[in-house]
Amino acid sequence: MIRRHLSVGGGSDRRNHGFKTEKGRLVSLKMASGIQCAFYVFILMNATVLISTSAQVVIAAPVLIGDDCTSPKPPDLSDCTIEHAECIGGKCLCIKDYTSSDGRDKCLPERVYGNCTFQRDCELIGNSFCYSGKCLCDNGYVADDDSKHCIPGKLETTCSGKSDCYKIPHSDCTNSTCTCEADYEPAADNAHCIPEKVDGGCTGNDDCKLVFNSVCNSGKCSCDKDYAAADDSKHCIPDRVYGNCTFQRDCELIGNSICYSGKCSCDNGYVADDGSKHCIPEKVNGECIGNDDCELIGNSVCTSGKCSCDKDYVAANDSKHCIPGDYFSFSIIIVYRSDKRKLHRLR
């Protein structure tokens, strides 16, 4: 293994000597501390090499992870020489956040951001790669809570179970891929799922943008003031007259209304009630559900879904109120005889 012969003098010579291995690597030799002219010690490929004063080379078996070791002073002369390992209690062990390789000749990082030299150094951390001397998560993956694994951080990444997708809110592992749960859709960043129905989970108003006229309230998408959930719960529609609308169906909660110029307005012949939550008839024969709907039409009741005049009342000429039925029913007829005397008066 040694390219050129090394001559070492005796006595108290404690100089450092250098030589090249077969691979051309420069190695520094140091006199063993406390032993005068006995031998030199250096480390070559995890093996302890002793250079005697007669330049005889003796190569000891390398100390692997888990093997017995010695801890001389200074520590850099320990025979536990594997990177990220120390001689602890007489055993060569990996330091914190590193674990032995299968061959016991390396200490591999077991957490994201651990030191690495080659890609294989990051083999314990799934979905990671070695970049700039650190084990980093692959694109689309993020470190889990204890930084021991790289798990999906975006939708459409590979997973083996629902727990792998827990960093993506409201997602599930379907066909080995992180996808959104039912009633949720991918957000623009593809890193979380946003609800498409009222009461879906949210962290901010942006998460509720698929549910029109809703806001994020206490972690749920709730209908804004003066709006209520539509029948399909996929959007919020006005529950008051003059609420915003796009289609006629947006005004379905307000009876007898139409969507006109982006607002829910009362249909012809109807006006908003005191609370502006309903459009009620202002004329006889307007549609109604109960007598309260006919409150604008004096002396009327709701009969068979229509505002009708009450008993003994009839609709006035403008149909906006009911008047007594005998209002026009009597007249005075005076009958005269030929002599122009009144005979009688008929009523």
Protein backbone atom coordinates (compact mmCIF):
# COMPACT_ATOMS: atom_id res chain seq x y z
CA MET A 1 0.00 0.00 0.00
CA ILE A 2 3.00 2.30 0.45
CA ARG A 3 4.44 3.86 -2.66
CA ARG A 4 7.85 4.72 -1.29
CA HIS A 5 9.99 3.44 1.54
CA LEU A 6 9.84 5.34 4.81
CA SER A 7 12.94 5.66 6.97
CA VAL A 8 12.35 6.56 10.60
CA GLY A 9 15.14 7.46 12.97
CA GLY A 10 15.34 6.32 16.58
CA GLY A 11 15.84 8.24 19.76
CA SER A 12 13.47 11.00 20.66
CA ASP A 13 12.59 11.95 17.09
CA ARG A 14 8.91 13.07 17.24
CA ARG A 15 8.74 14.69 13.80
CA ASN A 16 5.76 14.28 11.52
CA HIS A 17 6.46 12.36 8.33
CA GLY A 18 4.42 12.23 5.17
CA PHE A 19 4.06 9.61 2.49
CA LYS A 20 1.63 8.71 -0.24
CA THR A 21 -0.68 5.71 -0.42
CA GLU A 22 -1.24 3.84 -3.64
CA LYS A 23 -4.14 6.21 -4.39
CA GLY A 24 -1.83 9.19 -3.98
CA ARG A 25 -3.38 10.41 -0.75
CA LEU A 26 -1.01 12.30 1.54
CA VAL A 27 -1.01 10.83 5.03
CA SER A 28 0.53 12.40 8.12
CA LEU A 29 2.41 10.23 10.60
CA LYS A 30 2.62 11.15 14.25
CA MET A 31 4.70 9.69 17.05
CA ALA A 32 2.47 7.93 19.54
CA SER A 33 2.09 10.07 22.63
CA GLY A 34 4.09 8.95 25.64
CA ILE A 35 6.03 6.19 23.88
CA GLN A 36 9.58 7.18 23.02
CA CYS A 37 10.81 5.88 19.69
CA ALA A 38 8.50 2.88 19.86
CA PHE A 39 6.18 3.30 16.89
CA TYR A 40 4.26 5.72 14.80
CA VAL A 41 0.48 5.61 14.49
CA PHE A 42 -1.65 6.77 11.61
CA ILE A 43 -5.06 5.92 10.22
CA LEU A 44 -5.56 4.60 6.72
CA MET A 45 -8.99 3.65 5.45
CA ASN A 46 -10.28 3.05 8.99
CA ALA A 47 -7.39 0.66 9.76
CA THR A 48 -4.83 1.30 12.45
CA VAL A 49 -1.32 1.19 10.99
CA LEU A 50 1.72 0.94 13.23
CA ILE A 51 5.09 2.04 11.87
CA SER A 52 7.89 0.66 13.99
CA THR A 53 11.28 2.32 14.28
CA SER A 54 12.56 -0.14 11.72
CA ALA A 55 9.87 0.99 9.27
CA GLN A 56 8.01 -2.30 9.55
CA VAL A 57 4.35 -1.81 8.70
CA VAL A 58 1.73 -3.64 10.77
CA ILE A 59 -1.91 -3.12 9.72
CA ALA A 60 -4.52 -3.95 12.36
CA ALA A 61 -8.14 -4.83 11.53
CA PRO A 62 -10.35 -1.73 11.22
CA VAL A 63 -12.60 -0.86 14.13
CA LEU A 64 -16.24 -1.00 13.03
CA ILE A 65 -19.34 0.41 14.63
CA GLY A 66 -20.08 -1.64 17.72
CA ASP A 67 -16.53 -2.92 18.11
CA ASP A 68 -14.37 -2.38 21.14
CA CYS A 69 -12.18 0.70 20.97
CA THR A 70 -9.69 2.68 22.98
CA SER A 71 -9.81 6.36 23.82
CA PRO A 72 -6.23 7.59 24.17
CA LYS A 73 -5.32 11.19 24.66
CA PRO A 74 -5.38 13.20 22.47
CA PRO A 75 -8.73 11.85 21.14
CA ASP A 76 -7.65 12.10 17.51
CA LEU A 77 -5.49 9.02 18.06
CA SER A 78 -8.50 6.85 18.95
CA ASP A 79 -8.93 3.75 16.85
CA CYS A 80 -12.67 4.59 16.43
CA THR A 81 -12.06 6.61 13.32
CA ILE A 82 -15.32 6.38 11.38
CA GLU A 83 -16.74 9.79 10.57
CA HIS A 84 -19.56 10.83 12.91
CA ALA A 85 -18.52 8.10 15.40
CA GLU A 86 -16.87 8.26 18.83
CA CYS A 87 -15.38 5.81 21.27
CA ILE A 88 -17.93 5.86 24.07
CA GLY A 89 -17.59 3.52 27.02
CA GLY A 90 -15.11 1.40 25.13
CA LYS A 91 -17.38 0.98 22.10
CA CYS A 92 -17.16 2.65 18.73
CA LEU A 93 -20.61 4.23 18.35
CA CYS A 94 -22.31 6.68 15.99
CA ILE A 95 -23.00 10.09 17.44
CA LYS A 96 -26.52 11.49 17.87
CA ASP A 97 -28.68 11.63 14.72
CA TYR A 98 -26.49 9.11 12.92
CA THR A 99 -26.97 5.35 12.54
CA SER A 100 -24.64 2.57 11.50
CA SER A 101 -24.75 1.33 7.93
CA ASP A 102 -25.39 -2.36 7.29
CA GLY A 103 -21.65 -2.91 6.86
CA ARG A 104 -20.94 -1.09 10.15
CA ASP A 105 -18.26 0.91 8.39
CA LYS A 106 -20.23 4.18 8.17
CA CYS A 107 -22.42 6.37 10.28
CA LEU A 108 -25.31 7.49 8.12
CA PRO A 109 -27.55 10.46 8.90
CA GLU A 110 -30.98 9.47 10.15
CA ARG A 111 -32.47 12.96 9.97
CA VAL A 112 -33.04 15.48 7.24
CA TYR A 113 -30.18 18.02 6.95
CA GLY A 114 -27.63 15.47 8.22
CA ASN A 115 -24.16 15.63 6.63
CA CYS A 116 -23.51 13.56 3.53
CA THR A 117 -20.90 13.11 0.83
CA PHE A 118 -22.63 10.76 -1.57
CA GLN A 119 -26.25 10.00 -2.42
CA ARG A 120 -25.97 6.63 -0.69
CA ASP A 121 -25.23 8.42 2.58
CA CYS A 122 -28.90 9.48 2.69
CA GLU A 123 -30.30 5.99 2.17
CA LEU A 124 -31.95 5.87 5.61
CA ILE A 125 -34.09 8.91 4.78
CA GLY A 126 -36.62 7.97 2.15
CA ASN A 127 -37.34 10.44 -0.67
CA SER A 128 -34.17 12.41 0.02
CA PHE A 129 -31.00 13.31 -1.86
CA CYS A 130 -27.52 14.60 -1.02
CA TYR A 131 -27.08 18.24 -1.97
CA SER A 132 -24.34 20.63 -0.85
CA GLY A 133 -23.25 18.18 1.83
CA LYS A 134 -26.73 17.81 3.35
CA CYS A 135 -29.50 15.22 3.06
CA LEU A 136 -32.50 17.14 1.70
CA CYS A 137 -36.04 16.10 0.83
CA ASP A 138 -36.89 15.46 -2.80
CA ASN A 139 -39.07 17.92 -4.69
CA GLY A 140 -42.65 17.63 -3.47
CA TYR A 141 -41.63 16.16 -0.12
CA VAL A 142 -41.09 17.73 3.30
CA ALA A 143 -39.57 16.58 6.57
CA ASP A 144 -41.97 14.97 9.02
CA ASP A 145 -42.29 16.23 12.59
CA ASP A 146 -39.17 14.45 13.86
CA SER A 147 -37.24 15.06 10.60
CA LYS A 148 -36.54 11.35 10.21
CA HIS A 149 -38.51 10.93 7.01
CA CYS A 150 -39.39 12.90 3.93
CA ILE A 151 -43.13 12.66 3.42
CA PRO A 152 -45.37 14.11 0.71
CA GLY A 153 -45.72 17.86 0.93
CA LYS A 154 -47.72 18.16 -2.26
CA LEU A 155 -50.56 16.35 -3.94
CA GLU A 156 -49.87 13.67 -6.56
CA THR A 157 -46.77 12.45 -4.70
CA THR A 158 -46.29 8.78 -3.87
CA CYS A 159 -47.60 7.46 -0.55
CA SER A 160 -48.12 4.12 1.16
CA GLY A 161 -50.91 5.13 3.54
CA LYS A 162 -53.01 8.05 4.77
CA SER A 163 -50.44 8.88 7.46
CA ASP A 164 -47.90 9.68 4.74
CA CYS A 165 -50.12 12.52 3.52
CA TYR A 166 -50.76 14.17 6.89
CA LYS A 167 -48.76 17.26 5.97
CA ILE A 168 -51.35 17.96 3.26
CA PRO A 169 -54.57 19.03 5.04
CA HIS A 170 -57.73 17.17 4.00
CA SER A 171 -55.92 14.67 1.81
CA ASP A 172 -55.88 10.89 1.61
CA CYS A 173 -53.68 8.23 0.05
CA THR A 174 -55.56 6.83 -2.94
CA ASN A 175 -53.95 4.42 -5.39
CA SER A 176 -50.57 5.14 -3.74
CA THR A 177 -50.95 8.86 -4.44
CA CYS A 178 -51.84 11.75 -2.13
CA THR A 179 -55.18 13.14 -3.32
CA CYS A 180 -57.85 15.41 -1.87
CA GLU A 181 -60.64 13.93 0.23
CA ALA A 182 -64.24 13.99 -0.97
CA ASP A 183 -65.72 17.52 -1.12
CA TYR A 184 -62.26 19.09 -1.36
CA GLU A 185 -60.26 20.35 -4.33
CA PRO A 186 -56.52 21.05 -4.78
CA ALA A 187 -55.42 24.57 -3.85
CA ALA A 188 -53.35 26.61 -6.29
CA ASP A 189 -50.09 25.62 -4.57
CA ASN A 190 -51.02 21.93 -4.76
CA ALA A 191 -49.87 21.67 -1.15
CA HIS A 192 -53.29 21.54 0.51
CA CYS A 193 -56.93 20.89 -0.27
CA ILE A 194 -59.68 23.48 0.01
CA PRO A 195 -63.39 22.81 0.59
CA GLU A 196 -66.02 22.98 -2.08
CA LYS A 197 -68.91 22.94 0.41
CA VAL A 198 -70.13 24.95 3.39
CA ASP A 199 -68.66 23.78 6.74
CA GLY A 200 -65.48 22.47 5.10
CA GLY A 201 -62.25 22.98 7.05
CA CYS A 202 -60.19 26.12 6.40
CA THR A 203 -57.34 28.19 7.80
CA GLY A 204 -58.16 31.50 6.08
CA ASN A 205 -60.68 33.16 3.79
CA ASP A 206 -58.67 32.15 0.71
CA ASP A 207 -59.45 28.52 1.50
CA CYS A 208 -63.17 29.27 1.06
CA LYS A 209 -62.95 30.79 -2.40
CA LEU A 210 -64.74 27.83 -3.99
CA VAL A 211 -67.76 28.44 -1.74
CA PHE A 212 -69.12 31.75 -2.99
CA ASN A 213 -70.13 34.35 -0.40
CA SER A 214 -68.47 32.47 2.46
CA VAL A 215 -65.74 33.28 4.99
CA CYS A 216 -63.49 31.18 7.20
CA ASN A 217 -64.94 31.28 10.69
CA SER A 218 -63.64 29.10 13.55
CA GLY A 219 -61.88 26.80 11.11
CA LYS A 220 -64.90 26.26 8.87
CA CYS A 221 -66.21 27.90 5.71
CA SER A 222 -69.41 29.64 6.80
CA CYS A 223 -71.87 31.73 4.87
CA ASP A 224 -71.31 35.46 5.14
CA LYS A 225 -73.85 37.78 6.75
CA ASP A 226 -77.21 37.82 4.93
CA TYR A 227 -76.37 34.61 3.06
CA ALA A 228 -77.32 30.99 3.65
CA ALA A 229 -76.26 27.64 2.23
CA ALA A 230 -77.88 26.58 -1.02
CA ASP A 231 -79.52 23.16 -1.25
CA ASP A 232 -76.31 21.55 -2.51
CA SER A 233 -74.22 23.35 0.16
CA LYS A 234 -71.69 24.24 -2.53
CA HIS A 235 -72.26 27.96 -2.30
CA CYS A 236 -74.01 30.58 -0.21
CA ILE A 237 -76.95 32.44 -1.64
CA PRO A 238 -78.73 35.59 -0.46
CA ASP A 239 -81.39 35.24 2.18
CA ARG A 240 -82.39 38.90 1.85
CA VAL A 241 -83.67 41.06 -0.95
CA TYR A 242 -80.92 42.90 -2.86
CA GLY A 243 -78.30 40.25 -2.11
CA ASN A 244 -75.77 39.57 -4.88
CA CYS A 245 -76.67 36.98 -7.49
CA THR A 246 -75.39 35.62 -10.77
CA PHE A 247 -78.13 33.23 -11.77
CA GLN A 248 -81.83 33.01 -11.05
CA ARG A 249 -81.22 30.00 -8.80
CA ASP A 250 -79.15 32.21 -6.52
CA CYS A 251 -82.37 33.86 -5.37
CA GLU A 252 -84.16 30.60 -4.53
CA LEU A 253 -84.34 31.38 -0.82
CA ILE A 254 -86.30 34.56 -1.47
CA GLY A 255 -89.73 33.67 -2.74
CA ASN A 256 -91.18 35.69 -5.60
CA SER A 257 -87.82 37.24 -6.47
CA ILE A 258 -85.71 37.44 -9.61
CA CYS A 259 -82.01 37.98 -10.28
CA TYR A 260 -81.83 41.35 -11.96
CA SER A 261 -78.65 43.37 -12.56
CA GLY A 262 -76.72 41.18 -10.14
CA LYS A 263 -79.23 41.62 -7.31
CA CYS A 264 -82.11 39.54 -5.99
CA SER A 265 -85.09 41.83 -6.53
CA CYS A 266 -88.77 41.34 -5.91
CA ASP A 267 -90.81 40.27 -8.88
CA ASN A 268 -93.49 42.50 -10.36
CA GLY A 269 -96.39 42.82 -7.93
CA TYR A 270 -94.25 41.97 -4.89
CA VAL A 271 -92.30 44.04 -2.40
CA ALA A 272 -89.83 43.27 0.37
CA ASP A 273 -91.27 42.62 3.80
CA ASP A 274 -90.05 44.53 6.86
CA GLY A 275 -87.07 42.23 7.34
CA SER A 276 -86.28 42.16 3.60
CA LYS A 277 -86.16 38.37 3.77
CA HIS A 278 -89.21 37.77 1.62
CA CYS A 279 -91.04 39.31 -1.29
CA ILE A 280 -94.68 39.51 -0.38
CA PRO A 281 -97.67 40.34 -2.58
CA GLU A 282 -98.86 43.89 -2.84
CA LYS A 283 -101.92 42.84 -4.81
CA VAL A 284 -104.79 40.40 -4.49
CA ASN A 285 -104.06 36.95 -5.97
CA GLY A 286 -100.36 37.24 -5.25
CA GLU A 287 -98.68 34.03 -4.09
CA CYS A 288 -98.42 33.41 -0.38
CA ILE A 289 -97.56 30.77 2.18
CA GLY A 290 -99.33 32.16 5.21
CA ASN A 291 -101.54 35.06 6.19
CA ASP A 292 -98.46 37.13 7.13
CA ASP A 293 -97.53 37.23 3.47
CA CYS A 294 -100.74 39.10 2.75
CA GLU A 295 -100.19 41.79 5.37
CA LEU A 296 -99.86 44.56 2.80
CA ILE A 297 -103.31 43.84 1.42
CA GLY A 298 -105.87 44.99 3.94
CA ASN A 299 -108.69 42.56 4.74
CA SER A 300 -107.07 39.64 2.94
CA VAL A 301 -106.05 36.10 3.88
CA CYS A 302 -103.85 33.42 2.32
CA THR A 303 -106.12 30.84 0.73
CA SER A 304 -104.84 28.01 -1.45
CA GLY A 305 -101.51 29.79 -1.87
CA LYS A 306 -103.08 33.08 -2.96
CA CYS A 307 -103.87 36.31 -1.16
CA SER A 308 -107.66 36.55 -1.33
CA CYS A 309 -110.09 39.05 0.05
CA ASP A 310 -111.66 38.06 3.32
CA LYS A 311 -115.33 37.18 3.63
CA ASP A 312 -117.66 40.00 2.62
CA TYR A 313 -114.75 41.89 0.99
CA VAL A 314 -113.79 42.37 -2.61
CA ALA A 315 -110.68 43.67 -4.35
CA ALA A 316 -110.49 47.37 -4.95
CA ASN A 317 -109.87 48.65 -8.47
CA ASP A 318 -106.08 48.68 -7.99
CA SER A 319 -106.19 45.19 -6.37
CA LYS A 320 -103.94 46.47 -3.60
CA HIS A 321 -106.55 46.18 -0.88
CA CYS A 322 -109.95 44.68 -0.17
CA ILE A 323 -113.04 46.72 0.51
CA PRO A 324 -116.45 45.70 1.88
CA GLY A 325 -118.52 43.76 -0.66
CA ASP A 326 -121.68 45.97 -0.33
CA TYR A 327 -119.80 49.21 -0.92
CA PHE A 328 -121.30 49.56 -4.39
CA SER A 329 -124.36 47.39 -3.81
CA PHE A 330 -127.02 49.85 -2.85
CA SER A 331 -128.63 52.70 -4.75
CA ILE A 332 -131.79 54.75 -4.38
CA ILE A 333 -134.43 54.30 -7.01
CA ILE A 334 -137.28 56.78 -7.02
CA VAL A 335 -140.43 55.82 -8.92
CA TYR A 336 -142.83 58.58 -10.03
CA ARG A 337 -146.34 58.38 -11.12
CA SER A 338 -147.37 60.22 -14.20
CA ASP A 339 -148.53 62.97 -11.95
CA LYS A 340 -144.96 63.20 -10.72
CA ARG A 341 -145.86 62.24 -7.21
CA LYS A 342 -143.53 59.89 -5.48
CA LEU A 343 -145.02 56.44 -5.20
CA HIS A 344 -142.35 54.77 -3.16
CA ARG A 345 -138.69 54.54 -2.74
CA LEU A 346 -136.88 51.33 -3.49
CA ARG A 347 -133.67 50.51 -1.84
